Amino acid sequence: MVEIEVENRSGAQLDLDAAAEVIRAVLGEEGIDEGELGLQLVGAEEIRALKHEHLGIDEETDALAFPIDGRDPVPPGLPRQLGDVVLCPQVVGDAWRAPLVHAVLHLVGYDHGAEMEAREQAHA
């Protein structure tokens, strides 16, 4: 099973059980059913700072992905470290599922474009 470590620094509430279901469903359809993933919920200023620091763009965003292992082979006995998804509840509001799917797909190696859009539609 994919283990999900959640940290909520946003001050907002999110249905974490539903978010975990979405994450595991996306990963399962991508052939990944074991590993570890971090889900960080942050406020608007923190996600803006992260986007500026890592992408050089000074604006708020809905979600960011910080992949680690992706689909790369991992040594036997070590858990797959998928990486972290950072989600901003203040930006996404109730429409958090699509940004979450998008970020999880980034963790497993998808870049923006037709292939990613097709995978997002499959998970919609």
N, C-alpha and C. Protein backbone atom coordinates (compact mmCIF):
# COMPACT_ATOMS: atom_id res chain seq x y z
N MET A 1 0.84 -1.18 0.00
CA MET A 1 0.00 0.00 0.00
C MET A 1 0.89 1.25 0.00
N VAL A 2 0.42 2.28 -0.63
CA VAL A 2 1.12 3.55 -0.61
C VAL A 2 0.82 4.24 0.71
N GLU A 3 1.87 4.53 1.46
CA GLU A 3 1.73 5.24 2.73
C GLU A 3 1.77 6.74 2.45
N ILE A 4 0.84 7.46 3.04
CA ILE A 4 0.74 8.90 2.82
C ILE A 4 0.92 9.62 4.15
N GLU A 5 1.95 10.44 4.21
CA GLU A 5 2.20 11.24 5.41
C GLU A 5 1.66 12.64 5.15
N VAL A 6 0.75 13.08 5.99
CA VAL A 6 0.08 14.37 5.80
C VAL A 6 0.57 15.36 6.85
N GLU A 7 0.83 16.58 6.38
CA GLU A 7 1.11 17.68 7.29
C GLU A 7 0.25 18.86 6.83
N ASN A 8 -0.54 19.40 7.75
CA ASN A 8 -1.43 20.50 7.41
C ASN A 8 -0.96 21.77 8.11
N ARG A 9 -0.34 22.65 7.33
CA ARG A 9 0.09 23.95 7.83
C ARG A 9 -0.79 25.07 7.28
N SER A 10 -1.89 24.69 6.62
CA SER A 10 -2.72 25.68 5.93
C SER A 10 -3.75 26.35 6.83
N GLY A 11 -4.11 25.68 7.91
CA GLY A 11 -5.18 26.20 8.74
C GLY A 11 -6.56 25.90 8.17
N ALA A 12 -6.62 25.19 7.05
CA ALA A 12 -7.89 24.84 6.41
C ALA A 12 -8.15 23.35 6.57
N GLN A 13 -9.41 22.98 6.41
CA GLN A 13 -9.80 21.58 6.48
C GLN A 13 -9.91 21.01 5.07
N LEU A 14 -9.54 19.75 4.93
CA LEU A 14 -9.66 19.03 3.67
C LEU A 14 -10.03 17.60 4.03
N ASP A 15 -10.85 16.97 3.23
CA ASP A 15 -11.22 15.58 3.46
C ASP A 15 -10.01 14.70 3.15
N LEU A 16 -9.23 14.42 4.17
CA LEU A 16 -7.97 13.70 3.98
C LEU A 16 -8.18 12.25 3.57
N ASP A 17 -9.26 11.62 4.01
CA ASP A 17 -9.54 10.25 3.57
C ASP A 17 -9.84 10.23 2.08
N ALA A 18 -10.63 11.20 1.61
CA ALA A 18 -10.93 11.27 0.18
C ALA A 18 -9.68 11.60 -0.62
N ALA A 19 -8.83 12.47 -0.09
CA ALA A 19 -7.58 12.81 -0.79
C ALA A 19 -6.69 11.57 -0.91
N ALA A 20 -6.60 10.78 0.16
CA ALA A 20 -5.80 9.55 0.13
C ALA A 20 -6.37 8.57 -0.90
N GLU A 21 -7.69 8.47 -0.98
CA GLU A 21 -8.32 7.60 -1.98
C GLU A 21 -7.96 8.04 -3.39
N VAL A 22 -8.00 9.34 -3.65
CA VAL A 22 -7.65 9.87 -4.96
C VAL A 22 -6.19 9.54 -5.28
N ILE A 23 -5.30 9.80 -4.34
CA ILE A 23 -3.88 9.54 -4.55
C ILE A 23 -3.64 8.07 -4.86
N ARG A 24 -4.20 7.19 -4.05
CA ARG A 24 -3.98 5.76 -4.25
C ARG A 24 -4.62 5.26 -5.55
N ALA A 25 -5.75 5.82 -5.92
CA ALA A 25 -6.39 5.42 -7.18
C ALA A 25 -5.54 5.82 -8.38
N VAL A 26 -5.03 7.05 -8.38
CA VAL A 26 -4.18 7.51 -9.48
C VAL A 26 -2.93 6.65 -9.57
N LEU A 27 -2.27 6.44 -8.45
CA LEU A 27 -1.04 5.64 -8.45
C LEU A 27 -1.33 4.20 -8.87
N GLY A 28 -2.43 3.64 -8.38
CA GLY A 28 -2.80 2.27 -8.75
C GLY A 28 -3.00 2.13 -10.25
N GLU A 29 -3.68 3.09 -10.86
CA GLU A 29 -3.89 3.04 -12.30
C GLU A 29 -2.59 3.26 -13.07
N GLU A 30 -1.60 3.83 -12.42
CA GLU A 30 -0.28 4.00 -13.03
C GLU A 30 0.65 2.84 -12.70
N GLY A 31 0.12 1.80 -12.03
CA GLY A 31 0.90 0.61 -11.74
C GLY A 31 1.76 0.71 -10.50
N ILE A 32 1.48 1.67 -9.65
CA ILE A 32 2.27 1.85 -8.42
C ILE A 32 1.36 1.61 -7.22
N ASP A 33 1.63 0.54 -6.49
CA ASP A 33 0.79 0.23 -5.34
C ASP A 33 1.57 0.14 -4.04
N GLU A 34 2.86 0.48 -4.09
CA GLU A 34 3.69 0.48 -2.89
C GLU A 34 4.58 1.72 -2.92
N GLY A 35 4.84 2.27 -1.76
CA GLY A 35 5.73 3.41 -1.67
C GLY A 35 5.27 4.39 -0.60
N GLU A 36 5.95 5.51 -0.57
CA GLU A 36 5.65 6.55 0.41
C GLU A 36 5.51 7.88 -0.31
N LEU A 37 4.58 8.69 0.17
CA LEU A 37 4.29 9.98 -0.44
C LEU A 37 3.94 10.96 0.66
N GLY A 38 4.39 12.20 0.51
CA GLY A 38 4.03 13.25 1.46
C GLY A 38 2.98 14.16 0.85
N LEU A 39 1.97 14.50 1.63
CA LEU A 39 0.96 15.47 1.22
C LEU A 39 1.03 16.62 2.21
N GLN A 40 1.45 17.77 1.71
CA GLN A 40 1.59 18.97 2.53
C GLN A 40 0.48 19.95 2.16
N LEU A 41 -0.28 20.38 3.13
CA LEU A 41 -1.30 21.42 2.91
C LEU A 41 -0.73 22.72 3.46
N VAL A 42 -0.65 23.72 2.60
CA VAL A 42 -0.01 24.98 2.99
C VAL A 42 -0.89 26.16 2.63
N GLY A 43 -0.58 27.30 3.22
CA GLY A 43 -1.29 28.53 2.93
C GLY A 43 -0.82 29.18 1.64
N ALA A 44 -1.54 30.21 1.23
CA ALA A 44 -1.26 30.88 -0.05
C ALA A 44 0.14 31.49 -0.10
N GLU A 45 0.58 32.10 0.97
CA GLU A 45 1.91 32.72 0.95
C GLU A 45 3.02 31.68 0.86
N GLU A 46 2.84 30.56 1.55
CA GLU A 46 3.88 29.51 1.51
C GLU A 46 3.97 28.88 0.12
N ILE A 47 2.83 28.62 -0.52
CA ILE A 47 2.91 28.00 -1.84
C ILE A 47 3.45 29.00 -2.86
N ARG A 48 3.14 30.28 -2.66
CA ARG A 48 3.72 31.31 -3.54
C ARG A 48 5.24 31.33 -3.40
N ALA A 49 5.74 31.27 -2.17
CA ALA A 49 7.18 31.27 -1.94
C ALA A 49 7.84 30.03 -2.53
N LEU A 50 7.20 28.87 -2.39
CA LEU A 50 7.75 27.64 -2.96
C LEU A 50 7.81 27.71 -4.48
N LYS A 51 6.75 28.24 -5.10
CA LYS A 51 6.74 28.34 -6.56
C LYS A 51 7.82 29.30 -7.04
N HIS A 52 8.01 30.39 -6.31
CA HIS A 52 9.05 31.35 -6.67
C HIS A 52 10.44 30.73 -6.51
N GLU A 53 10.64 30.04 -5.39
CA GLU A 53 11.95 29.43 -5.11
C GLU A 53 12.31 28.33 -6.11
N HIS A 54 11.36 27.50 -6.45
CA HIS A 54 11.66 26.32 -7.28
C HIS A 54 11.40 26.52 -8.77
N LEU A 55 10.48 27.41 -9.12
CA LEU A 55 10.15 27.61 -10.54
C LEU A 55 10.44 29.02 -11.04
N GLY A 56 10.79 29.92 -10.12
CA GLY A 56 11.10 31.28 -10.52
C GLY A 56 9.89 32.10 -10.91
N ILE A 57 8.70 31.66 -10.48
CA ILE A 57 7.45 32.36 -10.80
C ILE A 57 6.83 32.85 -9.50
N ASP A 58 6.58 34.15 -9.42
CA ASP A 58 6.08 34.76 -8.19
C ASP A 58 4.57 34.90 -8.25
N GLU A 59 3.88 33.78 -7.99
CA GLU A 59 2.42 33.80 -7.95
C GLU A 59 1.93 32.61 -7.13
N GLU A 60 0.71 32.73 -6.62
CA GLU A 60 0.09 31.61 -5.93
C GLU A 60 -0.24 30.53 -6.96
N THR A 61 -0.34 29.30 -6.49
CA THR A 61 -0.74 28.21 -7.36
C THR A 61 -1.55 27.22 -6.54
N ASP A 62 -2.20 26.30 -7.23
CA ASP A 62 -3.04 25.33 -6.53
C ASP A 62 -2.25 24.18 -5.92
N ALA A 63 -1.28 23.66 -6.68
CA ALA A 63 -0.51 22.50 -6.22
C ALA A 63 0.86 22.49 -6.86
N LEU A 64 1.81 21.89 -6.16
CA LEU A 64 3.16 21.68 -6.68
C LEU A 64 3.54 20.23 -6.40
N ALA A 65 4.44 19.71 -7.23
CA ALA A 65 4.92 18.34 -7.03
C ALA A 65 6.44 18.35 -6.95
N PHE A 66 6.96 17.58 -6.02
CA PHE A 66 8.39 17.44 -5.84
C PHE A 66 8.73 15.95 -5.89
N PRO A 67 8.93 15.41 -7.11
CA PRO A 67 9.17 13.97 -7.26
C PRO A 67 10.55 13.55 -6.75
N ILE A 68 10.63 12.29 -6.33
CA ILE A 68 11.91 11.71 -5.93
C ILE A 68 12.20 10.50 -6.82
N ASP A 69 11.60 9.34 -6.53
CA ASP A 69 11.91 8.12 -7.28
C ASP A 69 11.11 7.98 -8.57
N GLY A 70 9.90 8.49 -8.60
CA GLY A 70 9.06 8.30 -9.78
C GLY A 70 8.90 6.83 -10.09
N ARG A 71 9.19 6.47 -11.33
CA ARG A 71 9.10 5.07 -11.74
C ARG A 71 10.47 4.41 -11.79
N ASP A 72 11.51 5.12 -11.37
CA ASP A 72 12.86 4.57 -11.40
C ASP A 72 12.95 3.32 -10.52
N PRO A 73 13.79 2.37 -10.91
CA PRO A 73 13.98 1.19 -10.06
C PRO A 73 14.56 1.60 -8.70
N VAL A 74 14.11 0.92 -7.66
CA VAL A 74 14.65 1.17 -6.33
C VAL A 74 15.32 -0.12 -5.85
N PRO A 75 16.37 0.00 -5.05
CA PRO A 75 17.05 -1.20 -4.55
C PRO A 75 16.10 -2.08 -3.74
N PRO A 76 16.27 -3.38 -3.84
CA PRO A 76 15.42 -4.30 -3.06
C PRO A 76 15.46 -3.95 -1.58
N GLY A 77 14.29 -4.03 -0.95
CA GLY A 77 14.21 -3.77 0.47
C GLY A 77 13.99 -2.33 0.86
N LEU A 78 14.12 -1.41 -0.12
CA LEU A 78 13.88 0.00 0.18
C LEU A 78 12.53 0.42 -0.37
N PRO A 79 11.78 1.20 0.40
CA PRO A 79 10.48 1.66 -0.11
C PRO A 79 10.66 2.72 -1.19
N ARG A 80 9.74 2.74 -2.15
CA ARG A 80 9.74 3.77 -3.18
C ARG A 80 9.35 5.09 -2.53
N GLN A 81 10.19 6.09 -2.69
CA GLN A 81 9.91 7.44 -2.19
C GLN A 81 9.36 8.25 -3.37
N LEU A 82 8.06 8.38 -3.44
CA LEU A 82 7.44 9.06 -4.58
C LEU A 82 7.71 10.56 -4.56
N GLY A 83 7.78 11.15 -3.40
CA GLY A 83 8.01 12.59 -3.29
C GLY A 83 6.90 13.25 -2.52
N ASP A 84 6.77 14.55 -2.73
CA ASP A 84 5.78 15.34 -2.01
C ASP A 84 4.86 16.09 -2.96
N VAL A 85 3.59 16.14 -2.58
CA VAL A 85 2.61 17.00 -3.22
C VAL A 85 2.31 18.10 -2.22
N VAL A 86 2.36 19.33 -2.69
CA VAL A 86 2.02 20.48 -1.86
C VAL A 86 0.74 21.08 -2.44
N LEU A 87 -0.29 21.15 -1.62
CA LEU A 87 -1.60 21.61 -2.06
C LEU A 87 -2.01 22.81 -1.21
N CYS A 88 -2.58 23.82 -1.85
CA CYS A 88 -3.04 25.00 -1.13
C CYS A 88 -4.57 25.04 -1.09
N PRO A 89 -5.18 24.63 0.03
CA PRO A 89 -6.64 24.64 0.11
C PRO A 89 -7.27 26.01 -0.13
N GLN A 90 -6.57 27.09 0.25
CA GLN A 90 -7.13 28.42 0.04
C GLN A 90 -7.24 28.75 -1.45
N VAL A 91 -6.37 28.21 -2.27
CA VAL A 91 -6.41 28.46 -3.71
C VAL A 91 -7.39 27.51 -4.39
N VAL A 92 -7.36 26.22 -4.03
CA VAL A 92 -8.19 25.23 -4.73
C VAL A 92 -9.62 25.19 -4.24
N GLY A 93 -9.86 25.55 -2.98
CA GLY A 93 -11.22 25.47 -2.45
C GLY A 93 -11.75 24.05 -2.53
N ASP A 94 -13.01 23.91 -2.92
CA ASP A 94 -13.62 22.60 -3.01
C ASP A 94 -13.18 21.83 -4.26
N ALA A 95 -12.53 22.51 -5.18
CA ALA A 95 -12.10 21.88 -6.44
C ALA A 95 -10.67 21.36 -6.32
N TRP A 96 -10.37 20.60 -5.26
CA TRP A 96 -9.01 20.15 -4.98
C TRP A 96 -8.63 18.87 -5.71
N ARG A 97 -9.61 18.11 -6.19
CA ARG A 97 -9.29 16.80 -6.78
C ARG A 97 -8.44 16.91 -8.05
N ALA A 98 -8.81 17.76 -8.98
CA ALA A 98 -8.07 17.87 -10.24
C ALA A 98 -6.62 18.34 -10.02
N PRO A 99 -6.37 19.36 -9.20
CA PRO A 99 -4.98 19.74 -8.93
C PRO A 99 -4.19 18.63 -8.23
N LEU A 100 -4.86 17.87 -7.36
CA LEU A 100 -4.20 16.77 -6.68
C LEU A 100 -3.80 15.69 -7.69
N VAL A 101 -4.71 15.31 -8.58
CA VAL A 101 -4.40 14.33 -9.62
C VAL A 101 -3.24 14.82 -10.47
N HIS A 102 -3.29 16.07 -10.87
CA HIS A 102 -2.24 16.66 -11.70
C HIS A 102 -0.86 16.54 -11.02
N ALA A 103 -0.80 16.90 -9.75
CA ALA A 103 0.46 16.86 -9.01
C ALA A 103 0.96 15.42 -8.84
N VAL A 104 0.06 14.48 -8.55
CA VAL A 104 0.46 13.08 -8.40
C VAL A 104 1.02 12.55 -9.73
N LEU A 105 0.41 12.92 -10.84
CA LEU A 105 0.93 12.49 -12.14
C LEU A 105 2.33 13.04 -12.39
N HIS A 106 2.60 14.25 -11.91
CA HIS A 106 3.96 14.79 -12.01
C HIS A 106 4.94 13.92 -11.21
N LEU A 107 4.50 13.41 -10.06
CA LEU A 107 5.38 12.59 -9.23
C LEU A 107 5.84 11.33 -9.96
N VAL A 108 5.00 10.82 -10.86
CA VAL A 108 5.36 9.57 -11.56
C VAL A 108 5.89 9.84 -12.97
N GLY A 109 6.27 11.09 -13.23
CA GLY A 109 7.01 11.38 -14.45
C GLY A 109 6.31 12.05 -15.59
N TYR A 110 5.05 12.38 -15.45
CA TYR A 110 4.35 13.06 -16.55
C TYR A 110 4.70 14.54 -16.56
N ASP A 111 4.89 15.07 -17.75
CA ASP A 111 5.06 16.50 -17.96
C ASP A 111 3.80 17.04 -18.62
N HIS A 112 3.65 18.35 -18.63
CA HIS A 112 2.49 18.96 -19.28
C HIS A 112 2.45 18.56 -20.75
N GLY A 113 1.26 18.36 -21.25
CA GLY A 113 1.09 18.00 -22.64
C GLY A 113 -0.05 17.02 -22.82
N ALA A 114 -0.17 16.52 -24.03
CA ALA A 114 -1.30 15.66 -24.40
C ALA A 114 -1.36 14.39 -23.57
N GLU A 115 -0.22 13.76 -23.32
CA GLU A 115 -0.23 12.50 -22.55
C GLU A 115 -0.72 12.74 -21.13
N MET A 116 -0.26 13.82 -20.52
CA MET A 116 -0.71 14.12 -19.15
C MET A 116 -2.21 14.46 -19.15
N GLU A 117 -2.64 15.25 -20.12
CA GLU A 117 -4.06 15.59 -20.19
C GLU A 117 -4.93 14.36 -20.32
N ALA A 118 -4.47 13.39 -21.12
CA ALA A 118 -5.23 12.14 -21.29
C ALA A 118 -5.30 11.38 -19.97
N ARG A 119 -4.19 11.33 -19.22
CA ARG A 119 -4.19 10.65 -17.94
C ARG A 119 -5.08 11.39 -16.94
N GLU A 120 -5.07 12.72 -16.98
CA GLU A 120 -5.96 13.48 -16.07
C GLU A 120 -7.42 13.18 -16.38
N GLN A 121 -7.76 13.09 -17.66
CA GLN A 121 -9.14 12.78 -18.04
C GLN A 121 -9.53 11.39 -17.56
N ALA A 122 -8.57 10.46 -17.61
CA ALA A 122 -8.84 9.10 -17.15
C ALA A 122 -9.13 9.07 -15.66
N HIS A 123 -8.61 10.01 -14.92
CA HIS A 123 -8.80 10.06 -13.47
C HIS A 123 -9.88 11.04 -13.05
N ALA A 124 -10.51 11.69 -14.00
CA ALA A 124 -11.53 12.71 -13.66
C ALA A 124 -12.80 12.09 -13.12
